[in-house]
Amino acid sequence: MNRPPAHIRFGGCELTRSRHVCAFFNSPDEAYKSSMSFISEGFACGHKAVHFVNPGSIGSHLERLQCEGVDKGSRGGASEMDE
């Protein structure tokens, strides 16, 4: 596993020691705007994640991840991140 960075961002703030978060959002766009750096930085340093996504939103979710540089091919089996 890669060494984690000193800080990971979430919602415009830097997290240092505690990197588990719980948040509530008013819209999907607000959720992605607040959490995408947390997701992409976590993957970049080798962390694993489980994403619960409505079946009708899987394609959009994968597209947003790819726009942030998250390569689905490097995140385990392709079936884990395919529709």
Protein backbone atom coordinates (compact mmCIF):
# COMPACT_ATOMS: atom_id res chain seq x y z
CA MET A 1 0.00 0.00 0.00
CA ASN A 2 1.20 3.51 -0.76
CA ARG A 3 2.05 5.82 2.12
CA PRO A 4 -0.94 8.07 2.89
CA PRO A 5 -0.46 11.81 2.42
CA ALA A 6 -0.25 13.96 5.54
CA HIS A 7 -3.64 15.49 4.71
CA ILE A 8 -6.69 14.48 2.68
CA ARG A 9 -9.30 17.09 1.77
CA PHE A 10 -13.05 16.88 2.32
CA GLY A 11 -15.49 19.72 1.69
CA GLY A 12 -12.73 22.31 1.46
CA CYS A 13 -11.10 21.26 4.76
CA GLU A 14 -7.98 19.19 5.35
CA LEU A 15 -8.38 16.05 7.43
CA THR A 16 -5.33 15.01 9.41
CA ARG A 17 -5.83 12.09 11.79
CA SER A 18 -9.49 11.08 11.42
CA ARG A 19 -10.39 10.21 7.85
CA HIS A 20 -13.84 8.72 8.29
CA VAL A 21 -16.62 11.13 7.42
CA CYS A 22 -20.40 11.23 7.47
CA ALA A 23 -22.13 14.01 5.57
CA PHE A 24 -25.57 14.98 4.32
CA PHE A 25 -26.17 16.86 1.08
CA ASN A 26 -29.03 18.65 -0.64
CA SER A 27 -28.21 17.38 -4.14
CA PRO A 28 -25.94 14.94 -5.98
CA ASP A 29 -23.92 17.87 -7.37
CA GLU A 30 -23.30 19.20 -3.85
CA ALA A 31 -22.21 15.73 -2.72
CA TYR A 32 -19.72 15.32 -5.56
CA LYS A 33 -18.36 18.86 -5.21
CA SER A 34 -17.71 18.27 -1.50
CA SER A 35 -16.39 14.72 -1.61
CA MET A 36 -14.57 14.14 -4.91
CA SER A 37 -11.16 15.25 -3.61
CA PHE A 38 -11.61 12.91 -0.60
CA ILE A 39 -12.43 10.00 -2.93
CA SER A 40 -9.67 10.62 -5.49
CA GLU A 41 -6.95 11.35 -2.90
CA GLY A 42 -7.92 8.24 -0.95
CA PHE A 43 -7.64 6.05 -4.06
CA ALA A 44 -4.34 7.75 -4.98
CA CYS A 45 -2.76 6.66 -1.71
CA GLY A 46 -4.08 3.10 -1.93
CA HIS A 47 -7.19 3.25 0.25
CA LYS A 48 -10.19 1.08 -0.60
CA ALA A 49 -13.78 2.28 -0.70
CA VAL A 50 -17.33 1.06 -1.09
CA HIS A 51 -19.71 3.34 -2.97
CA PHE A 52 -23.45 2.83 -2.68
CA VAL A 53 -24.98 4.28 -5.84
CA ASN A 54 -28.54 4.16 -7.14
CA PRO A 55 -28.66 1.76 -10.11
CA GLY A 56 -29.78 4.54 -12.47
CA SER A 57 -26.79 6.70 -11.47
CA ILE A 58 -23.92 4.21 -11.87
CA GLY A 59 -22.86 5.52 -15.30
CA SER A 60 -22.83 9.12 -14.08
CA HIS A 61 -20.89 8.12 -10.95
CA LEU A 62 -18.21 6.31 -12.97
CA GLU A 63 -17.97 9.27 -15.35
CA ARG A 64 -17.43 11.70 -12.46
CA LEU A 65 -14.72 9.44 -11.02
CA GLN A 66 -12.96 9.24 -14.38
CA CYS A 67 -13.13 13.04 -14.76
CA GLU A 68 -11.24 13.27 -11.44
CA GLY A 69 -8.54 10.92 -12.71
CA VAL A 70 -9.72 7.76 -10.95
CA ASP A 71 -8.80 4.95 -13.34
CA LYS A 72 -11.35 2.17 -12.95
CA GLY A 73 -8.87 -0.34 -14.37
CA SER A 74 -6.53 0.20 -11.42
CA ARG A 75 -9.23 -0.19 -8.76
CA GLY A 76 -9.57 -3.96 -8.66
CA GLY A 77 -11.56 -6.13 -11.03
CA ALA A 78 -13.28 -4.33 -13.88
CA SER A 79 -16.64 -5.79 -12.82
CA GLU A 80 -16.33 -3.98 -9.49
CA MET A 81 -16.64 -0.59 -11.20
CA ASP A 82 -18.65 -1.41 -14.31
CA GLU A 83 -22.38 -0.92 -14.68
